[in-house]
N, C-alpha and C. Protein backbone atom coordinates (compact mmCIF):
# COMPACT_ATOMS: atom_id res chain seq x y z
N MET A 1 131.55 76.97 -170.64
CA MET A 1 132.31 76.86 -170.95
C MET A 1 132.75 75.66 -172.04
N ILE A 2 133.27 75.91 -173.60
CA ILE A 2 133.26 75.10 -174.52
C ILE A 2 134.27 74.39 -174.75
N THR A 3 134.76 73.43 -174.76
CA THR A 3 135.72 72.99 -174.34
C THR A 3 136.17 71.89 -175.83
N ILE A 4 137.58 71.62 -175.82
CA ILE A 4 137.96 70.82 -177.09
C ILE A 4 137.15 69.53 -177.43
N LYS A 5 137.09 68.96 -176.33
CA LYS A 5 135.74 67.10 -176.81
C LYS A 5 134.92 67.45 -177.68
N PHE A 6 134.44 68.86 -177.58
CA PHE A 6 133.23 69.30 -178.37
C PHE A 6 133.39 69.71 -179.48
N PHE A 7 134.86 69.93 -180.49
CA PHE A 7 134.40 70.34 -181.44
C PHE A 7 135.08 68.75 -182.53
N ILE A 8 135.88 67.96 -181.59
CA ILE A 8 136.53 66.71 -182.34
C ILE A 8 135.38 66.70 -183.17
N PRO A 9 134.13 65.55 -182.58
CA PRO A 9 132.99 64.81 -183.01
C PRO A 9 132.76 66.01 -184.65
N VAL A 10 132.37 67.57 -184.51
CA VAL A 10 131.95 68.59 -185.03
C VAL A 10 133.51 68.33 -186.13
N LEU A 11 134.65 68.39 -185.65
CA LEU A 11 135.27 68.46 -186.93
C LEU A 11 135.22 67.44 -187.51
N ALA A 12 135.58 66.01 -187.05
CA ALA A 12 135.06 65.12 -187.80
C ALA A 12 133.81 64.63 -189.07
N CYS A 13 132.73 65.26 -188.98
CA CYS A 13 131.80 65.08 -188.86
C CYS A 13 132.17 66.43 -190.75
N ILE A 14 132.26 67.68 -190.23
CA ILE A 14 132.36 68.83 -191.23
C ILE A 14 133.71 67.33 -192.30
N LEU A 15 134.81 67.19 -192.00
CA LEU A 15 136.04 66.81 -192.92
C LEU A 15 135.02 65.15 -193.32
N ALA A 16 134.25 64.71 -192.94
CA ALA A 16 133.72 63.50 -193.34
C ALA A 16 133.23 63.88 -194.94
N CYS A 17 132.16 64.78 -194.38
CA CYS A 17 131.58 65.26 -195.46
C CYS A 17 131.72 66.30 -196.79
N ALA A 18 132.95 67.20 -196.64
CA ALA A 18 133.93 67.69 -197.05
C ALA A 18 135.01 66.47 -198.10
N CYS A 19 135.04 65.06 -197.80
CA CYS A 19 135.74 64.49 -198.72
C CYS A 19 135.00 63.49 -200.22
N LEU A 20 133.08 63.55 -199.53
CA LEU A 20 132.31 63.01 -199.28
C LEU A 20 131.98 63.21 -201.69
N PRO A 21 132.26 62.67 -202.61
CA PRO A 21 131.98 62.97 -203.49
C PRO A 21 130.28 63.65 -203.99
N PRO A 22 130.73 64.83 -205.27
CA PRO A 22 129.28 65.48 -204.92
C PRO A 22 128.24 64.15 -205.54
N LYS A 23 126.75 64.48 -204.83
CA LYS A 23 125.46 63.97 -205.92
C LYS A 23 125.79 63.99 -207.14
N LYS A 24 125.27 62.83 -207.62
CA LYS A 24 125.45 62.88 -209.24
C LYS A 24 123.46 63.50 -209.37
N ALA A 25 123.04 63.56 -210.42
CA ALA A 25 121.55 64.62 -210.85
C ALA A 25 121.27 63.11 -210.86
N VAL A 26 120.00 62.85 -210.57
CA VAL A 26 118.87 61.61 -210.94
C VAL A 26 118.60 61.98 -212.80
N GLN A 27 118.40 61.46 -213.78
CA GLN A 27 117.77 61.55 -214.82
C GLN A 27 116.71 60.96 -214.45
N PRO A 28 115.17 61.41 -214.75
CA PRO A 28 114.35 60.57 -214.72
C PRO A 28 114.39 59.56 -216.28
N ALA A 29 113.85 58.46 -215.77
CA ALA A 29 113.81 57.27 -216.65
C ALA A 29 112.37 57.78 -218.10
N ALA A 30 113.70 57.68 -219.66
CA ALA A 30 112.67 57.93 -220.53
C ALA A 30 111.62 57.05 -220.73
N ALA A 31 110.13 57.85 -221.16
CA ALA A 31 108.93 56.98 -220.94
C ALA A 31 108.94 55.78 -222.26
N PRO A 32 108.47 54.97 -221.95
CA PRO A 32 108.65 53.24 -222.66
C PRO A 32 107.36 53.95 -224.15
N GLN A 33 108.34 53.92 -225.12
CA GLN A 33 107.80 53.85 -226.87
C GLN A 33 106.91 53.06 -226.79
N ARG A 34 105.56 52.65 -227.56
CA ARG A 34 103.90 52.18 -227.58
C ARG A 34 105.00 51.70 -228.93
N ALA A 35 104.60 50.09 -228.71
CA ALA A 35 104.97 48.86 -229.72
C ALA A 35 104.43 49.38 -230.61
N ALA A 36 103.16 50.26 -230.89
CA ALA A 36 102.15 49.90 -231.63
C ALA A 36 102.29 50.91 -232.68
N ALA A 37 101.97 51.67 -233.56
CA ALA A 37 102.01 52.63 -234.40
C ALA A 37 101.20 52.61 -234.53
N ALA A 38 100.19 54.64 -234.81
CA ALA A 38 99.02 54.67 -234.92
C ALA A 38 98.81 53.80 -236.91
N VAL A 39 97.79 53.25 -237.22
CA VAL A 39 97.13 52.45 -237.93
C VAL A 39 96.81 53.64 -238.62
N LYS A 40 96.71 53.83 -240.06
CA LYS A 40 96.22 54.33 -241.14
C LYS A 40 94.80 53.24 -241.66
N LEU A 41 93.83 53.60 -241.37
CA LEU A 41 92.36 53.10 -241.39
C LEU A 41 92.20 53.08 -243.08
N SER A 42 91.25 52.63 -243.66
CA SER A 42 90.65 53.47 -244.63
C SER A 42 88.42 53.21 -244.11
N PRO A 43 87.85 53.82 -244.71
CA PRO A 43 86.77 54.49 -244.57
C PRO A 43 86.10 53.39 -244.05
N GLU A 44 86.22 52.01 -244.48
CA GLU A 44 85.31 51.29 -244.88
C GLU A 44 86.05 50.14 -243.19
N GLN A 45 87.61 50.75 -243.26
CA GLN A 45 87.87 49.40 -242.21
C GLN A 45 87.64 51.16 -240.87
N LEU A 46 87.00 51.98 -241.28
CA LEU A 46 87.33 52.28 -240.01
C LEU A 46 85.48 51.83 -239.30
N LYS A 47 84.30 51.86 -240.47
CA LYS A 47 82.95 51.48 -240.09
C LYS A 47 82.94 50.13 -240.06
N LYS A 48 83.50 49.36 -240.90
CA LYS A 48 83.79 47.81 -239.77
C LYS A 48 84.42 48.27 -238.73
N VAL A 49 84.96 48.36 -237.33
CA VAL A 49 85.79 48.89 -236.45
C VAL A 49 84.67 49.67 -235.65
N ASP A 50 83.77 50.49 -236.31
CA ASP A 50 82.84 50.74 -235.38
C ASP A 50 81.32 49.68 -235.25
N GLN A 51 81.30 49.40 -235.99
CA GLN A 51 80.67 48.48 -235.80
C GLN A 51 80.94 46.77 -235.38
N LEU A 52 81.79 46.62 -234.98
CA LEU A 52 82.04 45.64 -234.33
C LEU A 52 82.46 45.72 -232.70
N TYR A 53 82.90 47.39 -232.56
CA TYR A 53 82.68 47.88 -230.94
C TYR A 53 81.69 47.64 -230.81
N TYR A 54 80.57 48.39 -231.48
CA TYR A 54 79.21 48.69 -230.89
C TYR A 54 77.99 46.94 -230.74
N LYS A 55 78.93 45.95 -231.48
CA LYS A 55 78.37 44.45 -231.47
C LYS A 55 78.94 43.87 -230.01
N ALA A 56 80.60 44.30 -230.03
CA ALA A 56 81.00 43.80 -228.62
C ALA A 56 80.65 44.23 -227.39
N VAL A 57 79.59 46.26 -227.30
CA VAL A 57 79.57 46.75 -225.74
C VAL A 57 77.97 46.43 -226.22
N GLY A 58 77.22 45.40 -227.03
CA GLY A 58 75.89 44.89 -226.94
C GLY A 58 75.99 43.53 -226.18
N SER A 59 77.24 43.15 -226.42
CA SER A 59 76.84 41.60 -226.29
C SER A 59 77.88 41.56 -225.00
N PHE A 60 78.71 42.88 -223.93
CA PHE A 60 79.48 42.68 -223.18
C PHE A 60 77.65 43.37 -221.89
N SER A 61 76.68 44.19 -222.17
CA SER A 61 75.75 44.94 -221.73
C SER A 61 74.98 43.43 -221.65
N ASN A 62 74.74 42.29 -222.53
CA ASN A 62 73.93 41.54 -222.41
C ASN A 62 74.39 40.48 -221.38
N ASN A 63 76.02 40.38 -221.32
CA ASN A 63 76.68 39.54 -220.11
C ASN A 63 77.06 38.41 -221.17
N ASP A 64 77.66 38.75 -222.57
CA ASP A 64 77.63 37.33 -223.47
C ASP A 64 78.98 37.92 -223.58
N MET A 65 80.80 37.59 -222.75
CA MET A 65 81.51 37.73 -222.51
C MET A 65 82.25 36.57 -224.20
N PRO A 66 81.79 35.73 -224.50
CA PRO A 66 82.76 35.04 -225.21
C PRO A 66 82.47 36.10 -226.42
N ALA A 67 80.69 36.65 -227.01
CA ALA A 67 80.89 36.69 -228.40
C ALA A 67 81.57 38.50 -228.21
N ALA A 68 81.68 39.19 -227.31
CA ALA A 68 81.88 40.43 -227.23
C ALA A 68 83.79 40.02 -227.38
N SER A 69 84.65 38.54 -226.50
CA SER A 69 85.57 38.62 -226.94
C SER A 69 86.00 38.68 -228.63
N ALA A 70 85.26 38.12 -228.82
CA ALA A 70 85.30 37.48 -230.48
C ALA A 70 85.08 38.46 -231.36
N HIS A 71 83.96 39.34 -230.66
CA HIS A 71 84.18 40.64 -231.30
C HIS A 71 86.07 41.87 -232.00
N LEU A 72 85.72 41.31 -229.97
CA LEU A 72 86.89 42.54 -229.40
C LEU A 72 88.16 41.64 -230.31
N LYS A 73 88.22 40.57 -230.61
CA LYS A 73 89.99 39.92 -231.52
C LYS A 73 89.13 40.70 -232.98
N GLU A 74 88.46 40.33 -233.60
CA GLU A 74 88.16 41.18 -235.31
C GLU A 74 88.62 42.56 -235.40
N ILE A 75 88.35 43.24 -234.40
CA ILE A 75 88.48 44.69 -234.03
C ILE A 75 90.12 44.92 -234.09
N PHE A 76 90.71 43.87 -233.11
CA PHE A 76 91.69 43.75 -232.64
C PHE A 76 93.00 43.82 -234.21
N SER A 77 92.69 42.71 -234.75
CA SER A 77 93.35 42.21 -236.07
C SER A 77 93.18 43.18 -236.99
N ILE A 78 91.97 44.07 -236.97
CA ILE A 78 92.32 44.95 -238.18
C ILE A 78 92.60 46.39 -237.03
N ASN A 79 92.83 46.71 -236.08
CA ASN A 79 93.04 48.02 -235.51
C ASN A 79 93.77 47.51 -234.23
N PRO A 80 95.39 47.27 -233.74
CA PRO A 80 95.31 46.47 -232.31
C PRO A 80 95.85 47.87 -231.10
N ALA A 81 94.95 48.62 -231.88
CA ALA A 81 95.53 50.31 -231.03
C ALA A 81 94.23 50.76 -230.69
N HIS A 82 92.94 50.12 -231.09
CA HIS A 82 91.37 50.54 -231.19
C HIS A 82 91.22 50.82 -229.85
N LYS A 83 91.47 52.47 -228.77
CA LYS A 83 91.49 52.82 -227.18
C LYS A 83 90.10 52.41 -226.88
N PRO A 84 89.42 52.12 -227.21
CA PRO A 84 87.62 52.43 -226.61
C PRO A 84 87.90 50.60 -226.19
N ALA A 85 88.18 50.11 -227.47
CA ALA A 85 88.47 48.24 -227.58
C ALA A 85 89.25 48.07 -226.72
N LEU A 86 90.17 48.32 -226.38
CA LEU A 86 91.10 48.20 -224.90
C LEU A 86 90.42 48.28 -224.08
N GLU A 87 89.75 49.35 -223.53
CA GLU A 87 89.26 49.65 -222.52
C GLU A 87 87.98 48.73 -222.18
N LEU A 88 87.21 48.36 -223.29
CA LEU A 88 86.27 47.43 -222.90
C LEU A 88 87.00 45.85 -222.46
N ARG A 89 87.86 45.31 -223.48
CA ARG A 89 88.71 44.63 -223.01
C ARG A 89 89.11 44.48 -221.09
N ASP A 90 89.86 45.13 -220.88
CA ASP A 90 90.10 45.82 -219.23
C ASP A 90 88.49 44.53 -219.16
N LYS A 91 87.87 45.53 -219.21
CA LYS A 91 86.20 45.06 -218.55
C LYS A 91 86.46 43.89 -218.25
N ILE A 92 86.24 43.63 -219.69
CA ILE A 92 85.94 41.75 -219.86
C ILE A 92 86.19 41.31 -218.84
N ARG A 93 87.99 41.30 -218.85
CA ARG A 93 89.01 40.41 -217.88
C ARG A 93 88.47 40.46 -216.35
N LEU A 94 87.92 42.48 -216.02
CA LEU A 94 88.07 42.21 -214.64
C LEU A 94 87.08 41.84 -214.27
N SER A 95 85.68 41.50 -215.41
CA SER A 95 84.95 40.80 -214.49
C SER A 95 85.05 39.10 -214.47
N GLY A 96 86.10 38.99 -215.09
CA GLY A 96 86.26 37.93 -214.20
C GLY A 96 86.52 36.61 -215.50
N TYR A 97 86.31 36.53 -216.88
CA TYR A 97 86.30 36.26 -217.91
C TYR A 97 87.36 36.49 -219.04
N LYS A 98 88.27 35.07 -218.89
CA LYS A 98 89.66 35.60 -220.12
C LYS A 98 89.52 34.55 -220.98
């Protein structure tokens, strides 16, 4: 047999839940904006960036990190958003060179 003592906590819980405000929908955070916009490069600049990148890769392969970093700095002065150069810079940093 169910007594009134059983229903009192259940009733209190139901009333407490009914008094709560509805949950607000959580909006996903906006994606961060990239600071560097796409850079329009001339054909000469594109060629120069490619040459510098291959020089940087060669220096990295020869374990000459100062030379690789110098080539990357030149690339970033022309095109700061050059993705392969950014990835190579990360590899150089992971190798322990700063």
